Amino acid sequence: MESCSSSESGPWRLFTGLSACEICKVEELEYAELPGSGDSCCKLKLRFVDPSSNMYGKSFKLTLPELINFPDFVVEKTWYDTAMKRNWSSRDKCMVWWRNEDGKGGNWWDGRIISVQAKSHDFPDSPWERYLIQYKIDPSENHMHSPWELCDPEILLEHPHIDHEIRDKLLSYFTKLDHREKFDIQALKHVAEKLEFSNRY
C-alpha cells in the first residue's frame, strides 16, 4: 500500500495484534480507476472471519492496484492453503511465473530453493518472502518469494467453484436473456479465452 502511495490506513495501523496471515472474506468489491493515474484498481472491503483471530469480526477497506512489479499479498484461500500444505524446503525444485515487463503475458522460470528463513524477526512464522530462489536461467541473482508464488507441477490446485444448484439456476437465467445480451456474454467469453487476456477496467 505504501509503494502505491495509498492514502488508506492498512489494517496494521488500524488494529493491534494482527497475525502474520489473516483469513478474510470479501464483503464488497468494486473495480474502478485509480485516482490521478488512469490505471485500474480493485476496491475491497474485507472482514476478518477466523474465530481464533484477535481481529475476528472487524473489517477494513483496501484499494488494490494492478500489481506488476510487486508480489500478491491478498491471496485466494484455496491457493494459499495448497501453497502452505506443500511445505517447501531447501533444495526443492520449483517454478515461478514472471510477468513480462510490458505487463502482457509472461513465462514460467525453473528454480531451486536455496534457503528458507523468515523475512522479519517480528513475524517468525510469516510465509511472506520466506524462500530464496535461484533460477536456472540466471544463477547469479537470487530472488525472495512467498509460497503461493511457487509452483510444483506435480500438485494440482483444486479451484473454487460454485454449488451445482446455484450454477444450474444461473444457467437457466442466461438462457432467458434476449439475443443482444446473449451475444455480449458470448463475445466476452471468447475474449477471456485468449492467452493475452487481462481483466482491465
C-alpha atoms as a PDB file:
ATOM      1  CA  MET A   1       0.000   0.000   0.000  1.00  0.00           C
ATOM      2  CA  GLU A   2       2.872   2.341   0.817  1.00  0.00           C
ATOM      3  CA  SER A   3       4.590   1.631  -2.513  1.00  0.00           C
ATOM      4  CA  CYS A   4       1.396   2.729  -4.304  1.00  0.00           C
ATOM      5  CA  SER A   5       1.177   5.964  -2.273  1.00  0.00           C
ATOM      6  CA  SER A   6      -2.216   4.914  -0.953  1.00  0.00           C
ATOM      7  CA  SER A   7      -3.941   7.321   1.423  1.00  0.00           C
ATOM      8  CA  GLU A   8      -5.699   4.418   3.165  1.00  0.00           C
ATOM      9  CA  SER A   9      -4.550   3.113   6.516  1.00  0.00           C
ATOM     10  CA  GLY A  10      -3.671  -0.557   6.360  1.00  0.00           C
ATOM     11  CA  PRO A  11      -5.102  -2.923   8.983  1.00  0.00           C
ATOM     12  CA  TRP A  12      -1.702  -2.971  10.729  1.00  0.00           C
ATOM     13  CA  ARG A  13      -2.267   0.729  11.546  1.00  0.00           C
ATOM     14  CA  LEU A  14      -5.921   0.356  12.482  1.00  0.00           C
ATOM     15  CA  PHE A  15      -5.624  -2.703  14.716  1.00  0.00           C
ATOM     16  CA  THR A  16      -3.080  -4.175  17.117  1.00  0.00           C
ATOM     17  CA  GLY A  17      -2.493  -7.905  17.482  1.00  0.00           C
ATOM     18  CA  LEU A  18      -2.504  -8.863  13.804  1.00  0.00           C
ATOM     19  CA  SER A  19      -1.048 -12.258  12.913  1.00  0.00           C
ATOM     20  CA  ALA A  20       1.401 -12.730  10.037  1.00  0.00           C
ATOM     21  CA  CYS A  21      -1.523 -14.045   7.938  1.00  0.00           C
ATOM     22  CA  GLU A  22      -5.206 -13.341   8.453  1.00  0.00           C
ATOM     23  CA  ILE A  23      -8.225 -15.014   6.841  1.00  0.00           C
ATOM     24  CA  CYS A  24     -10.744 -12.527   5.476  1.00  0.00           C
ATOM     25  CA  LYS A  25     -13.952 -12.598   3.491  1.00  0.00           C
ATOM     26  CA  VAL A  26     -14.595 -10.167   0.645  1.00  0.00           C
ATOM     27  CA  GLU A  27     -17.713  -8.232   1.649  1.00  0.00           C
ATOM     28  CA  GLU A  28     -17.637  -5.580  -1.059  1.00  0.00           C
ATOM     29  CA  LEU A  29     -15.886  -5.493  -4.440  1.00  0.00           C
ATOM     30  CA  GLU A  30     -15.710  -2.645  -6.937  1.00  0.00           C
ATOM     31  CA  TYR A  31     -13.487  -2.137  -9.975  1.00  0.00           C
ATOM     32  CA  ALA A  32     -12.554   1.488 -10.519  1.00  0.00           C
ATOM     33  CA  GLU A  33      -9.945   3.861 -11.862  1.00  0.00           C
ATOM     34  CA  LEU A  34      -7.009   4.676  -9.606  1.00  0.00           C
ATOM     35  CA  PRO A  35      -7.299   8.441  -8.903  1.00  0.00           C
ATOM     36  CA  GLY A  36      -4.790  10.519 -10.831  1.00  0.00           C
ATOM     37  CA  SER A  37      -3.251   7.653 -12.796  1.00  0.00           C
ATOM     38  CA  GLY A  38      -5.953   6.268 -15.079  1.00  0.00           C
ATOM     39  CA  ASP A  39      -4.882   2.736 -14.089  1.00  0.00           C
ATOM     40  CA  SER A  40      -7.426   0.190 -12.948  1.00  0.00           C
ATOM     41  CA  CYS A  41      -7.761  -0.894  -9.342  1.00  0.00           C
ATOM     42  CA  CYS A  42      -9.939  -3.077  -7.181  1.00  0.00           C
ATOM     43  CA  LYS A  43     -11.640  -1.619  -4.100  1.00  0.00           C
ATOM     44  CA  LEU A  44     -12.309  -4.204  -1.416  1.00  0.00           C
ATOM     45  CA  LYS A  45     -13.970  -4.346   1.950  1.00  0.00           C
ATOM     46  CA  LEU A  46     -12.520  -7.283   3.876  1.00  0.00           C
ATOM     47  CA  ARG A  47     -13.833  -8.794   7.116  1.00  0.00           C
ATOM     48  CA  PHE A  48     -11.721 -10.966   9.419  1.00  0.00           C
ATOM     49  CA  VAL A  49     -13.503 -14.330   9.661  1.00  0.00           C
ATOM     50  CA  ASP A  50     -11.173 -16.610  11.623  1.00  0.00           C
ATOM     51  CA  PRO A  51     -12.724 -17.044  15.118  1.00  0.00           C
ATOM     52  CA  SER A  52      -9.240 -17.647  16.597  1.00  0.00           C
ATOM     53  CA  SER A  53      -8.003 -14.251  15.333  1.00  0.00           C
ATOM     54  CA  ASN A  54      -7.769 -11.197  17.600  1.00  0.00           C
ATOM     55  CA  MET A  55      -9.412  -9.285  14.727  1.00  0.00           C
ATOM     56  CA  TYR A  56     -12.437 -11.582  14.350  1.00  0.00           C
ATOM     57  CA  GLY A  57     -15.488  -9.669  13.094  1.00  0.00           C
ATOM     58  CA  LYS A  58     -13.627  -6.433  12.331  1.00  0.00           C
ATOM     59  CA  SER A  59     -13.368  -5.094   8.789  1.00  0.00           C
ATOM     60  CA  PHE A  60     -11.254  -2.699   6.741  1.00  0.00           C
ATOM     61  CA  LYS A  61     -11.141  -1.222   3.241  1.00  0.00           C
ATOM     62  CA  LEU A  62      -8.301  -1.766   0.795  1.00  0.00           C
ATOM     63  CA  THR A  63      -7.645  -0.364  -2.673  1.00  0.00           C
ATOM     64  CA  LEU A  64      -5.632  -2.905  -4.610  1.00  0.00           C
ATOM     65  CA  PRO A  65      -3.864  -1.556  -7.710  1.00  0.00           C
ATOM     66  CA  GLU A  66      -2.817  -3.847 -10.545  1.00  0.00           C
ATOM     67  CA  LEU A  67       0.346  -5.441  -9.188  1.00  0.00           C
ATOM     68  CA  ILE A  68       3.002  -5.721 -11.900  1.00  0.00           C
ATOM     69  CA  ASN A  69       6.330  -5.484 -10.062  1.00  0.00           C
ATOM     70  CA  PHE A  70       5.086  -6.439  -6.615  1.00  0.00           C
ATOM     71  CA  PRO A  71       4.058  -9.881  -5.286  1.00  0.00           C
ATOM     72  CA  ASP A  72       0.470 -10.679  -4.325  1.00  0.00           C
ATOM     73  CA  PHE A  73      -0.299 -10.157  -0.659  1.00  0.00           C
ATOM     74  CA  VAL A  74      -4.044 -10.754  -0.895  1.00  0.00           C
ATOM     75  CA  VAL A  75      -4.277 -14.420  -1.859  1.00  0.00           C
ATOM     76  CA  GLU A  76      -7.350 -16.576  -2.552  1.00  0.00           C
ATOM     77  CA  LYS A  77      -7.695 -19.057   0.318  1.00  0.00           C
ATOM     78  CA  THR A  78      -7.678 -22.299  -1.719  1.00  0.00           C
ATOM     79  CA  TRP A  79      -4.474 -21.172  -3.410  1.00  0.00           C
ATOM     80  CA  TYR A  80      -2.954 -20.147  -0.070  1.00  0.00           C
ATOM     81  CA  ASP A  81      -3.908 -23.444   1.631  1.00  0.00           C
ATOM     82  CA  THR A  82      -2.445 -25.518  -1.203  1.00  0.00           C
ATOM     83  CA  ALA A  83       0.795 -23.496  -1.129  1.00  0.00           C
ATOM     84  CA  MET A  84       1.146 -23.899   2.638  1.00  0.00           C
ATOM     85  CA  LYS A  85       0.461 -27.660   2.530  1.00  0.00           C
ATOM     86  CA  ARG A  86       3.325 -28.139   0.081  1.00  0.00           C
ATOM     87  CA  ASN A  87       5.837 -27.461   2.914  1.00  0.00           C
ATOM     88  CA  TRP A  88       8.675 -26.303   0.658  1.00  0.00           C
ATOM     89  CA  SER A  89      12.215 -26.878   1.891  1.00  0.00           C
ATOM     90  CA  SER A  90      15.792 -26.100   0.882  1.00  0.00           C
ATOM     91  CA  ARG A  91      16.964 -27.745  -2.385  1.00  0.00           C
ATOM     92  CA  ASP A  92      13.378 -28.287  -3.657  1.00  0.00           C
ATOM     93  CA  LYS A  93      12.844 -27.522  -7.338  1.00  0.00           C
ATOM     94  CA  CYS A  94      10.044 -25.119  -8.231  1.00  0.00           C
ATOM     95  CA  MET A  95       8.675 -22.897 -10.966  1.00  0.00           C
ATOM     96  CA  VAL A  96       7.751 -19.206 -10.651  1.00  0.00           C
ATOM     97  CA  TRP A  97       5.624 -17.174 -13.081  1.00  0.00           C
ATOM     98  CA  TRP A  98       7.253 -13.893 -14.127  1.00  0.00           C
ATOM     99  CA  ARG A  99       5.187 -11.321 -15.965  1.00  0.00           C
ATOM    100  CA  ASN A 100       6.806  -9.604 -18.955  1.00  0.00           C
ATOM    101  CA  GLU A 101       7.980  -6.023 -18.366  1.00  0.00           C
ATOM    102  CA  ASP A 102       5.235  -4.666 -20.621  1.00  0.00           C
ATOM    103  CA  GLY A 103       2.659  -6.339 -18.347  1.00  0.00           C
ATOM    104  CA  LYS A 104       1.405  -8.621 -21.132  1.00  0.00           C
ATOM    105  CA  GLY A 105       1.938 -12.351 -20.789  1.00  0.00           C
ATOM    106  CA  GLY A 106       4.923 -13.942 -19.116  1.00  0.00           C
ATOM    107  CA  ASN A 107       6.862 -17.158 -18.610  1.00  0.00           C
ATOM    108  CA  TRP A 108       7.490 -19.880 -16.057  1.00  0.00           C
ATOM    109  CA  TRP A 109      11.053 -19.864 -14.692  1.00  0.00           C
ATOM    110  CA  ASP A 110      12.645 -23.041 -13.318  1.00  0.00           C
ATOM    111  CA  GLY A 111      14.361 -22.576  -9.990  1.00  0.00           C
ATOM    112  CA  ARG A 112      15.578 -24.179  -6.799  1.00  0.00           C
ATOM    113  CA  ILE A 113      15.116 -23.117  -3.166  1.00  0.00           C
ATOM    114  CA  ILE A 114      18.489 -22.030  -1.755  1.00  0.00           C
ATOM    115  CA  SER A 115      17.341 -21.192   1.773  1.00  0.00           C
ATOM    116  CA  VAL A 116      14.229 -20.861   3.934  1.00  0.00           C
ATOM    117  CA  GLN A 117      14.021 -18.154   6.589  1.00  0.00           C
ATOM    118  CA  ALA A 118      11.621 -15.564   7.972  1.00  0.00           C
ATOM    119  CA  LYS A 119      11.881 -12.145   6.359  1.00  0.00           C
ATOM    120  CA  SER A 120      11.158 -10.419   9.688  1.00  0.00           C
ATOM    121  CA  HIS A 121      12.047 -11.411  13.253  1.00  0.00           C
ATOM    122  CA  ASP A 122       8.781  -9.738  14.338  1.00  0.00           C
ATOM    123  CA  PHE A 123       6.827 -12.424  12.414  1.00  0.00           C
ATOM    124  CA  PRO A 124       8.934 -15.611  12.546  1.00  0.00           C
ATOM    125  CA  ASP A 125       6.053 -17.779  11.235  1.00  0.00           C
ATOM    126  CA  SER A 126       5.220 -15.496   8.308  1.00  0.00           C
ATOM    127  CA  PRO A 127       5.383 -17.138   4.873  1.00  0.00           C
ATOM    128  CA  TRP A 128       5.910 -13.727   3.200  1.00  0.00           C
ATOM    129  CA  GLU A 129       9.052 -13.846   1.002  1.00  0.00           C
ATOM    130  CA  ARG A 130      10.352 -16.758   3.055  1.00  0.00           C
ATOM    131  CA  TYR A 131      12.086 -18.604   0.212  1.00  0.00           C
ATOM    132  CA  LEU A 132      15.318 -17.587  -1.529  1.00  0.00           C
ATOM    133  CA  ILE A 133      15.146 -18.908  -5.105  1.00  0.00           C
ATOM    134  CA  GLN A 134      17.978 -19.345  -7.603  1.00  0.00           C
ATOM    135  CA  TYR A 135      16.893 -19.612 -11.245  1.00  0.00           C
ATOM    136  CA  LYS A 136      18.471 -21.898 -13.845  1.00  0.00           C
ATOM    137  CA  ILE A 137      18.428 -19.172 -16.462  1.00  0.00           C
ATOM    138  CA  ASP A 138      20.104 -16.595 -14.171  1.00  0.00           C
ATOM    139  CA  PRO A 139      22.067 -18.294 -11.357  1.00  0.00           C
ATOM    140  CA  SER A 140      23.957 -15.091 -10.497  1.00  0.00           C
ATOM    141  CA  GLU A 141      20.923 -13.358  -8.945  1.00  0.00           C
ATOM    142  CA  ASN A 142      18.618 -14.836  -6.270  1.00  0.00           C
ATOM    143  CA  HIS A 143      15.051 -13.712  -5.513  1.00  0.00           C
ATOM    144  CA  MET A 144      12.807 -13.878  -2.440  1.00  0.00           C
ATOM    145  CA  HIS A 145       9.367 -15.469  -2.893  1.00  0.00           C
ATOM    146  CA  SER A 146       6.277 -16.401  -0.898  1.00  0.00           C
ATOM    147  CA  PRO A 147       4.964 -19.992  -1.118  1.00  0.00           C
ATOM    148  CA  TRP A 148       1.921 -19.006  -3.213  1.00  0.00           C
ATOM    149  CA  GLU A 149       4.321 -17.780  -5.927  1.00  0.00           C
ATOM    150  CA  LEU A 150       5.991 -21.202  -6.158  1.00  0.00           C
ATOM    151  CA  CYS A 151       4.546 -23.913  -8.358  1.00  0.00           C
ATOM    152  CA  ASP A 152       5.031 -27.647  -8.111  1.00  0.00           C
ATOM    153  CA  PRO A 153       3.727 -29.171 -11.373  1.00  0.00           C
ATOM    154  CA  GLU A 154       3.113 -32.447  -9.521  1.00  0.00           C
ATOM    155  CA  ILE A 155       0.396 -30.880  -7.317  1.00  0.00           C
ATOM    156  CA  LEU A 156      -2.953 -29.991  -8.848  1.00  0.00           C
ATOM    157  CA  LEU A 157      -4.768 -26.994  -7.397  1.00  0.00           C
ATOM    158  CA  GLU A 158      -8.450 -27.530  -6.679  1.00  0.00           C
ATOM    159  CA  HIS A 159     -10.070 -24.340  -7.902  1.00  0.00           C
ATOM    160  CA  PRO A 160     -13.036 -22.893  -6.023  1.00  0.00           C
ATOM    161  CA  HIS A 161     -16.361 -23.500  -7.703  1.00  0.00           C
ATOM    162  CA  ILE A 162     -19.983 -22.577  -7.179  1.00  0.00           C
ATOM    163  CA  ASP A 163     -22.551 -25.033  -5.858  1.00  0.00           C
ATOM    164  CA  HIS A 164     -24.201 -27.118  -8.623  1.00  0.00           C
ATOM    165  CA  GLU A 165     -27.690 -25.932  -7.656  1.00  0.00           C
ATOM    166  CA  ILE A 166     -26.659 -22.253  -7.881  1.00  0.00           C
ATOM    167  CA  ARG A 167     -24.839 -22.942 -11.165  1.00  0.00           C
ATOM    168  CA  ASP A 168     -27.967 -24.514 -12.681  1.00  0.00           C
ATOM    169  CA  LYS A 169     -30.071 -21.546 -11.541  1.00  0.00           C
ATOM    170  CA  LEU A 170     -27.626 -19.085 -13.149  1.00  0.00           C
ATOM    171  CA  LEU A 171     -27.566 -21.070 -16.391  1.00  0.00           C
ATOM    172  CA  SER A 172     -31.373 -21.015 -16.524  1.00  0.00           C
ATOM    173  CA  TYR A 173     -31.284 -17.201 -16.215  1.00  0.00           C
ATOM    174  CA  PHE A 174     -28.734 -16.976 -19.033  1.00  0.00           C
ATOM    175  CA  THR A 175     -30.998 -18.963 -21.363  1.00  0.00           C
ATOM    176  CA  LYS A 176     -33.746 -16.369 -20.779  1.00  0.00           C
ATOM    177  CA  LEU A 177     -31.590 -13.437 -21.889  1.00  0.00           C
ATOM    178  CA  ASP A 178     -32.539 -11.728 -25.136  1.00  0.00           C
ATOM    179  CA  HIS A 179     -30.326 -12.154 -28.219  1.00  0.00           C
ATOM    180  CA  ARG A 180     -28.241  -8.973 -27.751  1.00  0.00           C
ATOM    181  CA  GLU A 181     -27.304  -9.700 -24.132  1.00  0.00           C
ATOM    182  CA  LYS A 182     -26.556 -13.319 -25.016  1.00  0.00           C
ATOM    183  CA  PHE A 183     -24.197 -12.155 -27.784  1.00  0.00           C
ATOM    184  CA  ASP A 184     -22.360  -9.852 -25.345  1.00  0.00           C
ATOM    185  CA  ILE A 185     -21.736 -12.737 -22.913  1.00  0.00           C
ATOM    186  CA  GLN A 186     -20.507 -14.995 -25.727  1.00  0.00           C
ATOM    187  CA  ALA A 187     -18.201 -12.242 -27.000  1.00  0.00           C
ATOM    188  CA  LEU A 188     -16.770 -11.697 -23.507  1.00  0.00           C
ATOM    189  CA  LYS A 189     -16.218 -15.454 -23.097  1.00  0.00           C
ATOM    190  CA  HIS A 190     -14.400 -15.539 -26.464  1.00  0.00           C
ATOM    191  CA  VAL A 191     -12.093 -12.669 -25.429  1.00  0.00           C
ATOM    192  CA  ALA A 192     -11.423 -14.191 -21.998  1.00  0.00           C
ATOM    193  CA  GLU A 193     -10.200 -17.433 -23.585  1.00  0.00           C
ATOM    194  CA  LYS A 194      -7.321 -15.653 -25.358  1.00  0.00           C
ATOM    195  CA  LEU A 195      -3.891 -16.150 -23.797  1.00  0.00           C
ATOM    196  CA  GLU A 196      -3.167 -12.430 -23.553  1.00  0.00           C
ATOM    197  CA  PHE A 197      -6.499 -11.617 -21.881  1.00  0.00           C
ATOM    198  CA  SER A 198      -6.174  -9.294 -18.905  1.00  0.00           C
ATOM    199  CA  ASN A 199      -9.085  -8.152 -16.770  1.00  0.00           C
ATOM    200  CA  ARG A 200      -8.706  -4.399 -17.158  1.00  0.00           C
ATOM    201  CA  TYR A 201     -11.029  -1.532 -16.332  1.00  0.00           C
END
